[in-house]
Amino acid sequence: MKKILPLLICIISLAGCKKIIQKTQEQIAEDLIVKAMTDGQWQVLSYNDGTEYVSEFTDYKFQFKSNKSVDAIRNAVTEATGTWNGDGYKREITTSYPNSASNTVQRLNGIWYIAASTWTSVRATQTINGKLTTLELKKL
């Protein structure tokens, strides 16, 4: 019995370490997303759900902030402020603009699954009303 107790304590300790390592990895991934997204403004290169809507976004730039707000800036004026959240572990970015925002800006609402990304670009997808929608952003 005395030999089993130390082994049991060791197993419990290792299980706890695994959870700490996973949480650390998740935090590092989230920190990287915040740094990448908040370092500069972003422009929509493509918004396509079978129809290309990029012309609607021509005058817009988007500024993601570390407080998890995001400004839709049109012709140098903040038109709407929404919220965003990144989950690097799941490779998702969630955005939400209020109903008072333009229909164009509200197109960005939802959970976007990151298909590809670099420090200066993101390609993400989501399914809206049964249609696969693709969004491409470029950092300015």
N, C-alpha and C. Protein backbone atom coordinates (compact mmCIF):
# COMPACT_ATOMS: atom_id res chain seq x y z
N MET A 1 0.83 -1.19 0.00
CA MET A 1 0.00 0.00 0.00
C MET A 1 0.87 1.25 0.00
N LYS A 2 1.99 1.20 0.76
CA LYS A 2 2.86 2.36 0.84
C LYS A 2 3.49 2.67 -0.51
N LYS A 3 3.72 1.65 -1.35
CA LYS A 3 4.32 1.84 -2.66
C LYS A 3 3.32 2.40 -3.66
N ILE A 4 2.05 2.10 -3.48
CA ILE A 4 1.00 2.55 -4.40
C ILE A 4 0.70 4.03 -4.20
N LEU A 5 0.76 4.52 -2.99
CA LEU A 5 0.43 5.91 -2.69
C LEU A 5 1.33 6.89 -3.46
N PRO A 6 2.67 6.74 -3.44
CA PRO A 6 3.50 7.66 -4.21
C PRO A 6 3.20 7.60 -5.72
N LEU A 7 2.93 6.40 -6.22
CA LEU A 7 2.61 6.25 -7.64
C LEU A 7 1.31 6.97 -7.97
N LEU A 8 0.32 6.85 -7.12
CA LEU A 8 -0.96 7.53 -7.31
C LEU A 8 -0.79 9.05 -7.29
N ILE A 9 -0.01 9.54 -6.35
CA ILE A 9 0.25 10.99 -6.27
C ILE A 9 0.95 11.46 -7.55
N CYS A 10 1.91 10.70 -8.05
CA CYS A 10 2.62 11.05 -9.27
C CYS A 10 1.68 11.11 -10.47
N ILE A 11 0.78 10.16 -10.60
CA ILE A 11 -0.18 10.13 -11.72
C ILE A 11 -1.11 11.34 -11.65
N ILE A 12 -1.61 11.64 -10.48
CA ILE A 12 -2.49 12.81 -10.31
C ILE A 12 -1.75 14.09 -10.65
N SER A 13 -0.51 14.19 -10.24
CA SER A 13 0.30 15.39 -10.54
C SER A 13 0.51 15.55 -12.03
N LEU A 14 0.81 14.46 -12.74
CA LEU A 14 1.02 14.52 -14.19
C LEU A 14 -0.25 14.94 -14.91
N ALA A 15 -1.40 14.45 -14.46
CA ALA A 15 -2.67 14.84 -15.08
C ALA A 15 -2.90 16.34 -14.91
N GLY A 16 -2.57 16.87 -13.76
CA GLY A 16 -2.70 18.31 -13.51
C GLY A 16 -1.76 19.11 -14.38
N CYS A 17 -0.56 18.62 -14.61
CA CYS A 17 0.42 19.31 -15.47
C CYS A 17 -0.08 19.38 -16.91
N LYS A 18 -0.71 18.31 -17.38
CA LYS A 18 -1.23 18.30 -18.75
C LYS A 18 -2.27 19.41 -18.93
N LYS A 19 -3.14 19.61 -17.96
CA LYS A 19 -4.14 20.67 -18.03
C LYS A 19 -3.47 22.04 -18.03
N ILE A 20 -2.44 22.21 -17.22
CA ILE A 20 -1.72 23.49 -17.17
C ILE A 20 -1.05 23.76 -18.52
N ILE A 21 -0.43 22.75 -19.11
CA ILE A 21 0.22 22.92 -20.41
C ILE A 21 -0.80 23.29 -21.46
N GLN A 22 -1.97 22.64 -21.48
CA GLN A 22 -3.00 22.94 -22.46
C GLN A 22 -3.49 24.38 -22.28
N LYS A 23 -3.73 24.81 -21.04
CA LYS A 23 -4.18 26.18 -20.80
C LYS A 23 -3.11 27.18 -21.24
N THR A 24 -1.84 26.87 -21.02
CA THR A 24 -0.75 27.74 -21.44
C THR A 24 -0.72 27.83 -22.96
N GLN A 25 -0.89 26.72 -23.66
CA GLN A 25 -0.92 26.73 -25.12
C GLN A 25 -2.10 27.56 -25.63
N GLU A 26 -3.26 27.41 -25.02
CA GLU A 26 -4.44 28.18 -25.41
C GLU A 26 -4.19 29.67 -25.21
N GLN A 27 -3.57 30.06 -24.09
CA GLN A 27 -3.30 31.47 -23.80
C GLN A 27 -2.29 32.04 -24.79
N ILE A 28 -1.27 31.28 -25.14
CA ILE A 28 -0.28 31.74 -26.12
C ILE A 28 -0.96 31.95 -27.46
N ALA A 29 -1.82 31.02 -27.87
CA ALA A 29 -2.53 31.16 -29.14
C ALA A 29 -3.43 32.39 -29.13
N GLU A 30 -4.13 32.62 -28.04
CA GLU A 30 -5.00 33.80 -27.94
C GLU A 30 -4.17 35.08 -27.97
N ASP A 31 -3.06 35.11 -27.26
CA ASP A 31 -2.19 36.29 -27.25
C ASP A 31 -1.68 36.60 -28.64
N LEU A 32 -1.32 35.57 -29.41
CA LEU A 32 -0.84 35.78 -30.77
C LEU A 32 -1.94 36.34 -31.67
N ILE A 33 -3.16 35.84 -31.51
CA ILE A 33 -4.27 36.36 -32.30
C ILE A 33 -4.50 37.83 -31.97
N VAL A 34 -4.53 38.17 -30.70
CA VAL A 34 -4.75 39.56 -30.29
C VAL A 34 -3.65 40.45 -30.88
N LYS A 35 -2.41 40.03 -30.78
CA LYS A 35 -1.30 40.83 -31.32
C LYS A 35 -1.43 41.00 -32.82
N ALA A 36 -1.71 39.91 -33.53
CA ALA A 36 -1.83 39.99 -34.99
C ALA A 36 -3.00 40.86 -35.42
N MET A 37 -4.13 40.72 -34.76
CA MET A 37 -5.33 41.44 -35.19
C MET A 37 -5.28 42.92 -34.82
N THR A 38 -4.66 43.27 -33.71
CA THR A 38 -4.71 44.66 -33.25
C THR A 38 -3.56 45.50 -33.78
N ASP A 39 -2.61 44.89 -34.44
CA ASP A 39 -1.44 45.60 -34.96
C ASP A 39 -1.70 46.06 -36.39
N GLY A 40 -2.49 47.13 -36.54
CA GLY A 40 -2.81 47.66 -37.87
C GLY A 40 -4.27 47.53 -38.21
N GLN A 41 -4.64 48.14 -39.33
CA GLN A 41 -6.01 48.06 -39.82
C GLN A 41 -6.11 47.00 -40.90
N TRP A 42 -7.35 46.53 -41.10
CA TRP A 42 -7.61 45.45 -42.04
C TRP A 42 -8.59 45.91 -43.11
N GLN A 43 -8.44 45.34 -44.29
CA GLN A 43 -9.31 45.63 -45.43
C GLN A 43 -9.88 44.31 -45.95
N VAL A 44 -11.14 44.33 -46.37
CA VAL A 44 -11.77 43.14 -46.95
C VAL A 44 -11.34 43.03 -48.41
N LEU A 45 -10.70 41.91 -48.76
CA LEU A 45 -10.31 41.65 -50.15
C LEU A 45 -11.39 40.86 -50.88
N SER A 46 -12.15 40.06 -50.10
CA SER A 46 -13.20 39.26 -50.72
C SER A 46 -14.22 38.89 -49.65
N TYR A 47 -15.49 38.93 -50.04
CA TYR A 47 -16.59 38.41 -49.23
C TYR A 47 -17.50 37.72 -50.24
N ASN A 48 -17.53 36.39 -50.19
CA ASN A 48 -18.20 35.65 -51.24
C ASN A 48 -19.03 34.52 -50.66
N ASP A 49 -20.34 34.53 -51.00
CA ASP A 49 -21.23 33.44 -50.61
C ASP A 49 -21.87 32.82 -51.85
N GLY A 50 -21.13 32.87 -52.95
CA GLY A 50 -21.65 32.51 -54.26
C GLY A 50 -21.79 33.76 -55.10
N THR A 51 -21.91 34.89 -54.41
CA THR A 51 -21.89 36.22 -55.01
C THR A 51 -20.77 36.99 -54.33
N GLU A 52 -20.00 37.72 -55.11
CA GLU A 52 -18.90 38.51 -54.57
C GLU A 52 -19.43 39.88 -54.14
N TYR A 53 -19.20 40.24 -52.87
CA TYR A 53 -19.68 41.50 -52.31
C TYR A 53 -18.55 42.47 -51.99
N VAL A 54 -17.36 42.23 -52.49
CA VAL A 54 -16.21 43.05 -52.10
C VAL A 54 -16.43 44.53 -52.42
N SER A 55 -17.18 44.85 -53.45
CA SER A 55 -17.39 46.26 -53.79
C SER A 55 -18.11 47.02 -52.68
N GLU A 56 -18.93 46.32 -51.88
CA GLU A 56 -19.60 46.96 -50.74
C GLU A 56 -18.60 47.39 -49.66
N PHE A 57 -17.46 46.73 -49.61
CA PHE A 57 -16.47 46.98 -48.56
C PHE A 57 -15.35 47.93 -49.00
N THR A 58 -15.42 48.45 -50.21
CA THR A 58 -14.33 49.25 -50.77
C THR A 58 -13.88 50.39 -49.86
N ASP A 59 -14.81 51.11 -49.27
CA ASP A 59 -14.47 52.29 -48.46
C ASP A 59 -14.20 51.96 -46.99
N TYR A 60 -14.24 50.68 -46.63
CA TYR A 60 -14.11 50.30 -45.22
C TYR A 60 -12.70 49.83 -44.86
N LYS A 61 -12.32 50.16 -43.64
CA LYS A 61 -11.16 49.59 -42.98
C LYS A 61 -11.65 49.15 -41.60
N PHE A 62 -11.00 48.15 -41.03
CA PHE A 62 -11.43 47.63 -39.74
C PHE A 62 -10.27 47.66 -38.77
N GLN A 63 -10.53 48.23 -37.59
CA GLN A 63 -9.51 48.33 -36.54
C GLN A 63 -9.93 47.47 -35.36
N PHE A 64 -9.22 46.36 -35.17
CA PHE A 64 -9.46 45.48 -34.03
C PHE A 64 -8.64 46.01 -32.86
N LYS A 65 -9.25 46.03 -31.68
CA LYS A 65 -8.58 46.59 -30.50
C LYS A 65 -8.40 45.51 -29.43
N SER A 66 -7.41 45.71 -28.58
CA SER A 66 -7.09 44.71 -27.55
C SER A 66 -8.19 44.58 -26.50
N ASN A 67 -9.09 45.56 -26.39
CA ASN A 67 -10.21 45.45 -25.46
C ASN A 67 -11.37 44.65 -26.07
N LYS A 68 -11.11 44.02 -27.21
CA LYS A 68 -12.04 43.15 -27.93
C LYS A 68 -13.17 43.92 -28.61
N SER A 69 -12.95 45.21 -28.88
CA SER A 69 -13.88 45.95 -29.71
C SER A 69 -13.27 46.05 -31.11
N VAL A 70 -14.11 46.29 -32.10
CA VAL A 70 -13.64 46.44 -33.48
C VAL A 70 -14.43 47.58 -34.12
N ASP A 71 -13.69 48.51 -34.73
CA ASP A 71 -14.32 49.65 -35.39
C ASP A 71 -14.41 49.40 -36.90
N ALA A 72 -15.58 49.68 -37.47
CA ALA A 72 -15.76 49.70 -38.92
C ALA A 72 -15.58 51.16 -39.33
N ILE A 73 -14.51 51.44 -40.04
CA ILE A 73 -14.16 52.81 -40.40
C ILE A 73 -14.42 52.99 -41.89
N ARG A 74 -15.29 53.93 -42.20
CA ARG A 74 -15.63 54.20 -43.61
C ARG A 74 -15.24 55.63 -43.93
N ASN A 75 -14.38 55.77 -44.92
CA ASN A 75 -13.88 57.09 -45.33
C ASN A 75 -13.36 57.87 -44.12
N ALA A 76 -12.55 57.22 -43.31
CA ALA A 76 -11.86 57.81 -42.15
C ALA A 76 -12.77 58.16 -40.97
N VAL A 77 -14.04 57.72 -41.00
CA VAL A 77 -14.97 57.98 -39.91
C VAL A 77 -15.45 56.63 -39.37
N THR A 78 -15.43 56.48 -38.04
CA THR A 78 -15.93 55.25 -37.43
C THR A 78 -17.44 55.20 -37.60
N GLU A 79 -17.89 54.25 -38.39
CA GLU A 79 -19.32 54.10 -38.68
C GLU A 79 -20.02 53.23 -37.64
N ALA A 80 -19.32 52.22 -37.16
CA ALA A 80 -19.92 51.30 -36.18
C ALA A 80 -18.81 50.66 -35.36
N THR A 81 -19.15 50.33 -34.12
CA THR A 81 -18.23 49.60 -33.25
C THR A 81 -18.91 48.32 -32.81
N GLY A 82 -18.20 47.22 -32.97
CA GLY A 82 -18.72 45.93 -32.56
C GLY A 82 -17.74 45.26 -31.60
N THR A 83 -17.92 43.97 -31.42
CA THR A 83 -17.04 43.20 -30.56
C THR A 83 -16.42 42.07 -31.38
N TRP A 84 -15.29 41.58 -30.89
CA TRP A 84 -14.65 40.44 -31.51
C TRP A 84 -13.98 39.59 -30.44
N ASN A 85 -13.78 38.34 -30.77
CA ASN A 85 -13.05 37.45 -29.88
C ASN A 85 -12.34 36.41 -30.72
N GLY A 86 -11.09 36.14 -30.42
CA GLY A 86 -10.33 35.15 -31.15
C GLY A 86 -10.04 33.94 -30.28
N ASP A 87 -10.12 32.78 -30.88
CA ASP A 87 -9.77 31.53 -30.19
C ASP A 87 -8.77 30.80 -31.07
N GLY A 88 -7.49 30.99 -30.77
CA GLY A 88 -6.43 30.38 -31.56
C GLY A 88 -6.43 28.87 -31.48
N TYR A 89 -6.84 28.34 -30.37
CA TYR A 89 -6.86 26.89 -30.18
C TYR A 89 -7.89 26.26 -31.12
N LYS A 90 -9.06 26.90 -31.27
CA LYS A 90 -10.10 26.40 -32.17
C LYS A 90 -9.98 26.98 -33.58
N ARG A 91 -9.09 27.97 -33.74
CA ARG A 91 -8.90 28.69 -35.01
C ARG A 91 -10.20 29.37 -35.45
N GLU A 92 -10.76 30.17 -34.53
CA GLU A 92 -12.01 30.89 -34.78
C GLU A 92 -11.86 32.36 -34.40
N ILE A 93 -12.60 33.19 -35.13
CA ILE A 93 -12.78 34.58 -34.74
C ILE A 93 -14.27 34.86 -34.79
N THR A 94 -14.81 35.39 -33.71
CA THR A 94 -16.23 35.73 -33.64
C THR A 94 -16.36 37.25 -33.68
N THR A 95 -17.23 37.75 -34.54
CA THR A 95 -17.48 39.19 -34.59
C THR A 95 -18.98 39.45 -34.46
N SER A 96 -19.29 40.59 -33.85
CA SER A 96 -20.69 40.96 -33.67
C SER A 96 -20.81 42.48 -33.72
N TYR A 97 -21.56 42.95 -34.69
CA TYR A 97 -21.89 44.37 -34.79
C TYR A 97 -23.36 44.56 -34.44
N PRO A 98 -23.72 45.72 -33.90
CA PRO A 98 -25.12 45.96 -33.51
C PRO A 98 -26.03 46.10 -34.73
N ASN A 99 -27.32 45.97 -34.50
CA ASN A 99 -28.32 46.12 -35.56
C ASN A 99 -28.28 47.50 -36.21
N SER A 100 -27.75 48.49 -35.51
CA SER A 100 -27.66 49.84 -36.06
C SER A 100 -26.56 49.96 -37.11
N ALA A 101 -25.67 48.98 -37.20
CA ALA A 101 -24.61 49.00 -38.22
C ALA A 101 -25.23 48.74 -39.59
N SER A 102 -24.53 49.15 -40.63
CA SER A 102 -25.02 48.93 -42.00
C SER A 102 -25.10 47.44 -42.29
N ASN A 103 -25.92 47.08 -43.28
CA ASN A 103 -26.03 45.68 -43.69
C ASN A 103 -24.68 45.12 -44.12
N THR A 104 -23.88 45.96 -44.77
CA THR A 104 -22.55 45.53 -45.20
C THR A 104 -21.71 45.10 -44.00
N VAL A 105 -21.65 45.93 -42.98
CA VAL A 105 -20.85 45.63 -41.80
C VAL A 105 -21.44 44.41 -41.06
N GLN A 106 -22.75 44.30 -41.00
CA GLN A 106 -23.38 43.16 -40.32
C GLN A 106 -23.09 41.83 -41.02
N ARG A 107 -22.69 41.88 -42.29
CA ARG A 107 -22.30 40.64 -42.99
C ARG A 107 -21.14 39.95 -42.27
N LEU A 108 -20.37 40.71 -41.52
CA LEU A 108 -19.19 40.16 -40.84
C LEU A 108 -19.54 39.46 -39.52
N ASN A 109 -20.80 39.58 -39.06
CA ASN A 109 -21.21 38.95 -37.81
C ASN A 109 -21.12 37.43 -37.91
N GLY A 110 -20.75 36.81 -36.82
CA GLY A 110 -20.77 35.35 -36.76
C GLY A 110 -19.45 34.76 -36.32
N ILE A 111 -19.40 33.45 -36.35
CA ILE A 111 -18.19 32.72 -36.00
C ILE A 111 -17.49 32.34 -37.30
N TRP A 112 -16.30 32.87 -37.49
CA TRP A 112 -15.50 32.62 -38.68
C TRP A 112 -14.42 31.60 -38.34
N TYR A 113 -14.34 30.56 -39.15
CA TYR A 113 -13.33 29.52 -38.98
C TYR A 113 -12.13 29.87 -39.85
N ILE A 114 -10.98 29.98 -39.25
CA ILE A 114 -9.78 30.42 -39.96
C ILE A 114 -9.25 29.26 -40.80
N ALA A 115 -9.32 29.44 -42.12
CA ALA A 115 -8.84 28.40 -43.04
C ALA A 115 -7.35 28.57 -43.31
N ALA A 116 -6.90 29.82 -43.36
CA ALA A 116 -5.47 30.12 -43.59
C ALA A 116 -5.19 31.50 -43.03
N SER A 117 -3.98 31.69 -42.54
CA SER A 117 -3.63 33.00 -42.01
C SER A 117 -2.12 33.19 -42.03
N THR A 118 -1.74 34.45 -42.17
CA THR A 118 -0.37 34.89 -41.98
C THR A 118 -0.46 36.10 -41.07
N TRP A 119 0.66 36.74 -40.80
CA TRP A 119 0.65 37.93 -39.96
C TRP A 119 -0.13 39.06 -40.63
N THR A 120 -0.25 39.02 -41.97
CA THR A 120 -0.87 40.13 -42.72
C THR A 120 -2.09 39.73 -43.53
N SER A 121 -2.57 38.50 -43.38
CA SER A 121 -3.76 38.10 -44.13
C SER A 121 -4.51 36.99 -43.39
N VAL A 122 -5.81 36.94 -43.66
CA VAL A 122 -6.66 35.90 -43.08
C VAL A 122 -7.67 35.47 -44.13
N ARG A 123 -7.85 34.17 -44.26
CA ARG A 123 -8.95 33.63 -45.06
C ARG A 123 -9.78 32.80 -44.10
N ALA A 124 -11.07 33.13 -44.01
CA ALA A 124 -11.95 32.47 -43.05
C ALA A 124 -13.26 32.10 -43.73
N THR A 125 -13.96 31.14 -43.14
CA THR A 125 -15.23 30.68 -43.70
C THR A 125 -16.27 30.53 -42.60
N GLN A 126 -17.51 30.63 -43.01
CA GLN A 126 -18.64 30.24 -42.17
C GLN A 126 -19.79 29.88 -43.08
N THR A 127 -20.71 29.10 -42.57
CA THR A 127 -21.90 28.75 -43.34
C THR A 127 -23.06 29.59 -42.82
N ILE A 128 -23.67 30.34 -43.76
CA ILE A 128 -24.79 31.23 -43.43
C ILE A 128 -25.98 30.82 -44.28
N ASN A 129 -27.06 30.45 -43.63
CA ASN A 129 -28.27 30.01 -44.34
C ASN A 129 -27.96 28.94 -45.38
N GLY A 130 -27.10 28.00 -45.03
CA GLY A 130 -26.77 26.90 -45.92
C GLY A 130 -25.74 27.21 -46.98
N LYS A 131 -25.25 28.46 -47.01
CA LYS A 131 -24.26 28.85 -48.03
C LYS A 131 -22.89 28.99 -47.38
N LEU A 132 -21.89 28.39 -48.01
CA LEU A 132 -20.52 28.59 -47.55
C LEU A 132 -20.10 30.00 -47.91
N THR A 133 -19.68 30.76 -46.93
CA THR A 133 -19.25 32.14 -47.13
C THR A 133 -17.76 32.21 -46.82
N THR A 134 -17.03 32.85 -47.72
CA THR A 134 -15.58 33.01 -47.56
C THR A 134 -15.26 34.48 -47.41
N LEU A 135 -14.41 34.78 -46.45
CA LEU A 135 -13.97 36.14 -46.17
C LEU A 135 -12.44 36.17 -46.24
N GLU A 136 -11.92 37.14 -46.98
CA GLU A 136 -10.46 37.34 -47.02
C GLU A 136 -10.15 38.75 -46.58
N LEU A 137 -9.23 38.85 -45.63
CA LEU A 137 -8.81 40.15 -45.09
C LEU A 137 -7.32 40.33 -45.33
N LYS A 138 -6.93 41.59 -45.52
CA LYS A 138 -5.52 41.94 -45.69
C LYS A 138 -5.20 43.08 -44.75
N LYS A 139 -4.08 42.96 -44.06
CA LYS A 139 -3.64 44.03 -43.17
C LYS A 139 -3.02 45.14 -44.01
N LEU A 140 -3.39 46.37 -43.67
CA LEU A 140 -2.86 47.52 -44.40
C LEU A 140 -1.55 48.00 -43.80
